[in-house]
Amino acid sequence: MSETTHPPAGGLTRQEKDIMISLIEAWNNFVKLPVLHPDDNGEFRHHLHALQNSLASRVVFREHDDYWRVR
């Protein structure tokens, strides 16, 4: 697996972008670990994507609060 570079903000707040960068750094560090099980990277990637989706949904809720009401 190759390393991922930092994304543009894309509607994220500064704090959300910092979290996204931390997730990217976590991935980049994880793939440097020795593989102990063939599914290690896939499972880590799956859960990392869930966290990234949580951040992305914040943008949608904020930008389209007329439709995605969470209150």
PDB file of N, CA and C in Angstrom:
ATOM      1  N   MET A   1       0.835  -1.178   0.000  1.00  0.00           N
ATOM      2  CA  MET A   1       0.000   0.000   0.000  1.00  0.00           C
ATOM      3  C   MET A   1       0.880   1.242   0.000  1.00  0.00           C
ATOM      4  N   SER A   2       0.458   2.222  -0.733  1.00  0.00           N
ATOM      5  CA  SER A   2       1.220   3.458  -0.770  1.00  0.00           C
ATOM      6  C   SER A   2       0.660   4.466   0.224  1.00  0.00           C
ATOM      7  N   GLU A   3       1.472   5.431   0.536  1.00  0.00           N
ATOM      8  CA  GLU A   3       1.041   6.482   1.458  1.00  0.00           C
ATOM      9  C   GLU A   3       0.052   7.409   0.769  1.00  0.00           C
ATOM     10  N   THR A   4      -0.772   8.039   1.562  1.00  0.00           N
ATOM     11  CA  THR A   4      -1.759   9.001   1.079  1.00  0.00           C
ATOM     12  C   THR A   4      -1.289  10.397   1.449  1.00  0.00           C
ATOM     13  N   THR A   5      -1.538  11.360   0.568  1.00  0.00           N
ATOM     14  CA  THR A   5      -1.149  12.731   0.857  1.00  0.00           C
ATOM     15  C   THR A   5      -2.308  13.485   1.502  1.00  0.00           C
ATOM     16  N   HIS A   6      -2.032  14.628   2.054  1.00  0.00           N
ATOM     17  CA  HIS A   6      -3.051  15.424   2.742  1.00  0.00           C
ATOM     18  C   HIS A   6      -4.029  16.009   1.736  1.00  0.00           C
ATOM     19  N   PRO A   7      -5.333  15.959   2.055  1.00  0.00           N
ATOM     20  CA  PRO A   7      -6.359  16.448   1.133  1.00  0.00           C
ATOM     21  C   PRO A   7      -6.576  17.949   1.266  1.00  0.00           C
ATOM     22  N   PRO A   8      -7.229  18.563   0.252  1.00  0.00           N
ATOM     23  CA  PRO A   8      -7.686  19.940   0.447  1.00  0.00           C
ATOM     24  C   PRO A   8      -8.812  19.932   1.470  1.00  0.00           C
ATOM     25  N   ALA A   9      -9.159  21.084   1.996  1.00  0.00           N
ATOM     26  CA  ALA A   9     -10.163  21.160   3.057  1.00  0.00           C
ATOM     27  C   ALA A   9     -11.516  20.601   2.616  1.00  0.00           C
ATOM     28  N   GLY A  10     -11.989  20.919   1.402  1.00  0.00           N
ATOM     29  CA  GLY A  10     -13.214  20.330   0.875  1.00  0.00           C
ATOM     30  C   GLY A  10     -14.446  20.522   1.722  1.00  0.00           C
ATOM     31  N   GLY A  11     -14.582  21.654   2.379  1.00  0.00           N
ATOM     32  CA  GLY A  11     -15.750  21.917   3.196  1.00  0.00           C
ATOM     33  C   GLY A  11     -15.565  21.573   4.669  1.00  0.00           C
ATOM     34  N   LEU A  12     -14.441  20.977   5.015  1.00  0.00           N
ATOM     35  CA  LEU A  12     -14.157  20.656   6.415  1.00  0.00           C
ATOM     36  C   LEU A  12     -13.757  21.912   7.174  1.00  0.00           C
ATOM     37  N   THR A  13     -14.127  21.969   8.442  1.00  0.00           N
ATOM     38  CA  THR A  13     -13.622  23.042   9.290  1.00  0.00           C
ATOM     39  C   THR A  13     -12.143  22.775   9.560  1.00  0.00           C
ATOM     40  N   ARG A  14     -11.459  23.731  10.122  1.00  0.00           N
ATOM     41  CA  ARG A  14     -10.035  23.549  10.441  1.00  0.00           C
ATOM     42  C   ARG A  14      -9.855  22.352  11.384  1.00  0.00           C
ATOM     43  N   GLN A  15     -10.711  22.248  12.384  1.00  0.00           N
ATOM     44  CA  GLN A  15     -10.608  21.156  13.349  1.00  0.00           C
ATOM     45  C   GLN A  15     -10.894  19.801  12.674  1.00  0.00           C
ATOM     46  N   GLU A  16     -11.905  19.772  11.797  1.00  0.00           N
ATOM     47  CA  GLU A  16     -12.215  18.534  11.074  1.00  0.00           C
ATOM     48  C   GLU A  16     -11.065  18.151  10.147  1.00  0.00           C
ATOM     49  N   LYS A  17     -10.474  19.148   9.488  1.00  0.00           N
ATOM     50  CA  LYS A  17      -9.339  18.857   8.611  1.00  0.00           C
ATOM     51  C   LYS A  17      -8.178  18.295   9.426  1.00  0.00           C
ATOM     52  N   ASP A  18      -7.940  18.848  10.612  1.00  0.00           N
ATOM     53  CA  ASP A  18      -6.872  18.323  11.469  1.00  0.00           C
ATOM     54  C   ASP A  18      -7.123  16.862  11.820  1.00  0.00           C
ATOM     55  N   ILE A  19      -8.378  16.524  12.084  1.00  0.00           N
ATOM     56  CA  ILE A  19      -8.724  15.132  12.379  1.00  0.00           C
ATOM     57  C   ILE A  19      -8.481  14.267  11.146  1.00  0.00           C
ATOM     58  N   MET A  20      -8.895  14.749   9.974  1.00  0.00           N
ATOM     59  CA  MET A  20      -8.691  13.999   8.739  1.00  0.00           C
ATOM     60  C   MET A  20      -7.201  13.760   8.492  1.00  0.00           C
ATOM     61  N   ILE A  21      -6.396  14.776   8.720  1.00  0.00           N
ATOM     62  CA  ILE A  21      -4.954  14.625   8.560  1.00  0.00           C
ATOM     63  C   ILE A  21      -4.422  13.580   9.535  1.00  0.00           C
ATOM     64  N   SER A  22      -4.940  13.575  10.764  1.00  0.00           N
ATOM     65  CA  SER A  22      -4.523  12.567  11.743  1.00  0.00           C
ATOM     66  C   SER A  22      -4.892  11.164  11.276  1.00  0.00           C
ATOM     67  N   LEU A  23      -6.062  11.025  10.663  1.00  0.00           N
ATOM     68  CA  LEU A  23      -6.466   9.715  10.141  1.00  0.00           C
ATOM     69  C   LEU A  23      -5.553   9.277   9.001  1.00  0.00           C
ATOM     70  N   ILE A  24      -5.196  10.207   8.136  1.00  0.00           N
ATOM     71  CA  ILE A  24      -4.277   9.895   7.034  1.00  0.00           C
ATOM     72  C   ILE A  24      -2.919   9.485   7.587  1.00  0.00           C
ATOM     73  N   GLU A  25      -2.456  10.208   8.596  1.00  0.00           N
ATOM     74  CA  GLU A  25      -1.171   9.866   9.209  1.00  0.00           C
ATOM     75  C   GLU A  25      -1.245   8.500   9.885  1.00  0.00           C
ATOM     76  N   ALA A  26      -2.398   8.188  10.501  1.00  0.00           N
ATOM     77  CA  ALA A  26      -2.567   6.872  11.119  1.00  0.00           C
ATOM     78  C   ALA A  26      -2.442   5.778  10.061  1.00  0.00           C
ATOM     79  N   TRP A  27      -3.084   5.983   8.899  1.00  0.00           N
ATOM     80  CA  TRP A  27      -2.977   5.006   7.811  1.00  0.00           C
ATOM     81  C   TRP A  27      -1.532   4.869   7.341  1.00  0.00           C
ATOM     82  N   ASN A  28      -0.894   5.996   7.091  1.00  0.00           N
ATOM     83  CA  ASN A  28       0.484   5.960   6.603  1.00  0.00           C
ATOM     84  C   ASN A  28       1.409   5.241   7.579  1.00  0.00           C
ATOM     85  N   ASN A  29       1.174   5.392   8.867  1.00  0.00           N
ATOM     86  CA  ASN A  29       1.985   4.697   9.864  1.00  0.00           C
ATOM     87  C   ASN A  29       1.601   3.224   9.975  1.00  0.00           C
ATOM     88  N   PHE A  30       0.316   2.926   9.860  1.00  0.00           N
ATOM     89  CA  PHE A  30      -0.133   1.539   9.978  1.00  0.00           C
ATOM     90  C   PHE A  30       0.453   0.673   8.868  1.00  0.00           C
ATOM     91  N   VAL A  31       0.453   1.182   7.640  1.00  0.00           N
ATOM     92  CA  VAL A  31       0.937   0.359   6.522  1.00  0.00           C
ATOM     93  C   VAL A  31       2.450   0.134   6.581  1.00  0.00           C
ATOM     94  N   LYS A  32       3.128   0.832   7.452  1.00  0.00           N
ATOM     95  CA  LYS A  32       4.565   0.611   7.646  1.00  0.00           C
ATOM     96  C   LYS A  32       4.842  -0.533   8.628  1.00  0.00           C
ATOM     97  N   LEU A  33       3.806  -0.945   9.373  1.00  0.00           N
ATOM     98  CA  LEU A  33       3.974  -2.034  10.335  1.00  0.00           C
ATOM     99  C   LEU A  33       4.145  -3.361   9.604  1.00  0.00           C
ATOM    100  N   PRO A  34       4.836  -4.299  10.231  1.00  0.00           N
ATOM    101  CA  PRO A  34       4.910  -5.637   9.622  1.00  0.00           C
ATOM    102  C   PRO A  34       3.513  -6.254   9.559  1.00  0.00           C
ATOM    103  N   VAL A  35       3.240  -6.944   8.483  1.00  0.00           N
ATOM    104  CA  VAL A  35       1.944  -7.595   8.319  1.00  0.00           C
ATOM    105  C   VAL A  35       1.934  -8.856   9.183  1.00  0.00           C
ATOM    106  N   LEU A  36       0.976  -8.930  10.107  1.00  0.00           N
ATOM    107  CA  LEU A  36       0.846 -10.100  10.975  1.00  0.00           C
ATOM    108  C   LEU A  36      -0.299 -11.001  10.529  1.00  0.00           C
ATOM    109  N   HIS A  37      -1.222 -10.436   9.763  1.00  0.00           N
ATOM    110  CA  HIS A  37      -2.363 -11.199   9.244  1.00  0.00           C
ATOM    111  C   HIS A  37      -2.721 -10.614   7.886  1.00  0.00           C
ATOM    112  N   PRO A  38      -3.087 -11.459   6.920  1.00  0.00           N
ATOM    113  CA  PRO A  38      -3.373 -10.949   5.568  1.00  0.00           C
ATOM    114  C   PRO A  38      -4.478  -9.899   5.507  1.00  0.00           C
ATOM    115  N   ASP A  39      -5.380  -9.890   6.484  1.00  0.00           N
ATOM    116  CA  ASP A  39      -6.495  -8.935   6.463  1.00  0.00           C
ATOM    117  C   ASP A  39      -6.210  -7.648   7.227  1.00  0.00           C
ATOM    118  N   ASP A  40      -5.039  -7.535   7.834  1.00  0.00           N
ATOM    119  CA  ASP A  40      -4.739  -6.361   8.673  1.00  0.00           C
ATOM    120  C   ASP A  40      -5.035  -5.037   7.973  1.00  0.00           C
ATOM    121  N   ASN A  41      -4.433  -4.835   6.812  1.00  0.00           N
ATOM    122  CA  ASN A  41      -4.602  -3.548   6.126  1.00  0.00           C
ATOM    123  C   ASN A  41      -6.042  -3.319   5.684  1.00  0.00           C
ATOM    124  N   GLY A  42      -6.693  -4.366   5.199  1.00  0.00           N
ATOM    125  CA  GLY A  42      -8.072  -4.239   4.757  1.00  0.00           C
ATOM    126  C   GLY A  42      -9.016  -3.880   5.899  1.00  0.00           C
ATOM    127  N   GLU A  43      -8.835  -4.520   7.039  1.00  0.00           N
ATOM    128  CA  GLU A  43      -9.690  -4.219   8.190  1.00  0.00           C
ATOM    129  C   GLU A  43      -9.433  -2.808   8.705  1.00  0.00           C
ATOM    130  N   PHE A  44      -8.174  -2.432   8.782  1.00  0.00           N
ATOM    131  CA  PHE A  44      -7.841  -1.080   9.239  1.00  0.00           C
ATOM    132  C   PHE A  44      -8.441  -0.056   8.278  1.00  0.00           C
ATOM    133  N   ARG A  45      -8.294  -0.303   6.974  1.00  0.00           N
ATOM    134  CA  ARG A  45      -8.836   0.602   5.954  1.00  0.00           C
ATOM    135  C   ARG A  45     -10.352   0.715   6.084  1.00  0.00           C
ATOM    136  N   HIS A  46     -11.029  -0.411   6.300  1.00  0.00           N
ATOM    137  CA  HIS A  46     -12.490  -0.414   6.442  1.00  0.00           C
ATOM    138  C   HIS A  46     -12.935   0.512   7.584  1.00  0.00           C
ATOM    139  N   HIS A  47     -12.301   0.379   8.726  1.00  0.00           N
ATOM    140  CA  HIS A  47     -12.684   1.195   9.883  1.00  0.00           C
ATOM    141  C   HIS A  47     -12.244   2.650   9.716  1.00  0.00           C
ATOM    142  N   LEU A  48     -11.124   2.855   9.052  1.00  0.00           N
ATOM    143  CA  LEU A  48     -10.681   4.220   8.773  1.00  0.00           C
ATOM    144  C   LEU A  48     -11.683   4.923   7.867  1.00  0.00           C
ATOM    145  N   HIS A  49     -12.196   4.208   6.871  1.00  0.00           N
ATOM    146  CA  HIS A  49     -13.196   4.799   5.981  1.00  0.00           C
ATOM    147  C   HIS A  49     -14.468   5.154   6.739  1.00  0.00           C
ATOM    148  N   ALA A  50     -14.840   4.354   7.732  1.00  0.00           N
ATOM    149  CA  ALA A  50     -16.014   4.676   8.541  1.00  0.00           C
ATOM    150  C   ALA A  50     -15.799   5.996   9.277  1.00  0.00           C
ATOM    151  N   LEU A  51     -14.609   6.200   9.801  1.00  0.00           N
ATOM    152  CA  LEU A  51     -14.300   7.459  10.489  1.00  0.00           C
ATOM    153  C   LEU A  51     -14.304   8.628   9.504  1.00  0.00           C
ATOM    154  N   GLN A  52     -13.738   8.426   8.320  1.00  0.00           N
ATOM    155  CA  GLN A  52     -13.740   9.483   7.311  1.00  0.00           C
ATOM    156  C   GLN A  52     -15.169   9.807   6.869  1.00  0.00           C
ATOM    157  N   ASN A  53     -16.014   8.786   6.766  1.00  0.00           N
ATOM    158  CA  ASN A  53     -17.417   9.021   6.410  1.00  0.00           C
ATOM    159  C   ASN A  53     -18.121   9.859   7.468  1.00  0.00           C
ATOM    160  N   SER A  54     -17.772   9.653   8.733  1.00  0.00           N
ATOM    161  CA  SER A  54     -18.358  10.466   9.806  1.00  0.00           C
ATOM    162  C   SER A  54     -17.984  11.933   9.634  1.00  0.00           C
ATOM    163  N   LEU A  55     -16.742  12.188   9.259  1.00  0.00           N
ATOM    164  CA  LEU A  55     -16.331  13.573   9.014  1.00  0.00           C
ATOM    165  C   LEU A  55     -17.044  14.139   7.791  1.00  0.00           C
ATOM    166  N   ALA A  56     -17.143  13.357   6.734  1.00  0.00           N
ATOM    167  CA  ALA A  56     -17.801  13.830   5.514  1.00  0.00           C
ATOM    168  C   ALA A  56     -19.272  14.149   5.781  1.00  0.00           C
ATOM    169  N   SER A  57     -19.923  13.353   6.608  1.00  0.00           N
ATOM    170  CA  SER A  57     -21.336  13.608   6.881  1.00  0.00           C
ATOM    171  C   SER A  57     -21.527  14.930   7.613  1.00  0.00           C
ATOM    172  N   ARG A  58     -20.541  15.363   8.369  1.00  0.00           N
ATOM    173  CA  ARG A  58     -20.642  16.658   9.050  1.00  0.00           C
ATOM    174  C   ARG A  58     -20.738  17.795   8.026  1.00  0.00           C
ATOM    175  N   VAL A  59     -19.986  17.671   6.940  1.00  0.00           N
ATOM    176  CA  VAL A  59     -20.038  18.683   5.880  1.00  0.00           C
ATOM    177  C   VAL A  59     -21.437  18.706   5.271  1.00  0.00           C
ATOM    178  N   VAL A  60     -21.972  17.524   4.971  1.00  0.00           N
ATOM    179  CA  VAL A  60     -23.311  17.434   4.375  1.00  0.00           C
ATOM    180  C   VAL A  60     -24.357  18.023   5.317  1.00  0.00           C
ATOM    181  N   PHE A  61     -24.313  17.652   6.595  1.00  0.00           N
ATOM    182  CA  PHE A  61     -25.282  18.187   7.559  1.00  0.00           C
ATOM    183  C   PHE A  61     -25.193  19.708   7.636  1.00  0.00           C
ATOM    184  N   ARG A  62     -23.978  20.217   7.620  1.00  0.00           N
ATOM    185  CA  ARG A  62     -23.782  21.660   7.762  1.00  0.00           C
ATOM    186  C   ARG A  62     -24.207  22.399   6.490  1.00  0.00           C
ATOM    187  N   GLU A  63     -23.832  21.874   5.335  1.00  0.00           N
ATOM    188  CA  GLU A  63     -24.090  22.563   4.066  1.00  0.00           C
ATOM    189  C   GLU A  63     -25.525  22.382   3.571  1.00  0.00           C
ATOM    190  N   HIS A  64     -26.193  21.336   4.022  1.00  0.00           N
ATOM    191  CA  HIS A  64     -27.547  21.045   3.545  1.00  0.00           C
ATOM    192  C   HIS A  64     -28.485  20.782   4.720  1.00  0.00           C
ATOM    193  N   ASP A  65     -28.430  21.657   5.696  1.00  0.00           N
ATOM    194  CA  ASP A  65     -29.250  21.455   6.907  1.00  0.00           C
ATOM    195  C   ASP A  65     -30.739  21.596   6.630  1.00  0.00           C
ATOM    196  N   ASP A  66     -31.089  22.141   5.471  1.00  0.00           N
ATOM    197  CA  ASP A  66     -32.504  22.241   5.124  1.00  0.00           C
ATOM    198  C   ASP A  66     -33.078  20.854   4.795  1.00  0.00           C
ATOM    199  N   TYR A  67     -32.228  19.925   4.409  1.00  0.00           N
ATOM    200  CA  TYR A  67     -32.678  18.579   4.051  1.00  0.00           C
ATOM    201  C   TYR A  67     -32.276  17.550   5.107  1.00  0.00           C
ATOM    202  N   TRP A  68     -31.021  17.595   5.530  1.00  0.00           N
ATOM    203  CA  TRP A  68     -30.491  16.628   6.499  1.00  0.00           C
ATOM    204  C   TRP A  68     -30.627  17.193   7.902  1.00  0.00           C
ATOM    205  N   ARG A  69     -31.804  17.167   8.410  1.00  0.00           N
ATOM    206  CA  ARG A  69     -32.056  17.691   9.761  1.00  0.00           C
ATOM    207  C   ARG A  69     -31.629  16.670  10.785  1.00  0.00           C
ATOM    208  N   VAL A  70     -30.767  17.094  11.682  1.00  0.00           N
ATOM    209  CA  VAL A  70     -30.270  16.191  12.730  1.00  0.00           C
ATOM    210  C   VAL A  70     -30.667  16.683  14.110  1.00  0.00           C
ATOM    211  N   ARG A  71     -31.510  17.674  14.160  1.00  0.00           N
ATOM    212  CA  ARG A  71     -31.919  18.252  15.441  1.00  0.00           C
ATOM    213  C   ARG A  71     -33.171  17.598  15.947  1.00  0.00           C
TER     214      ARG A  71
END
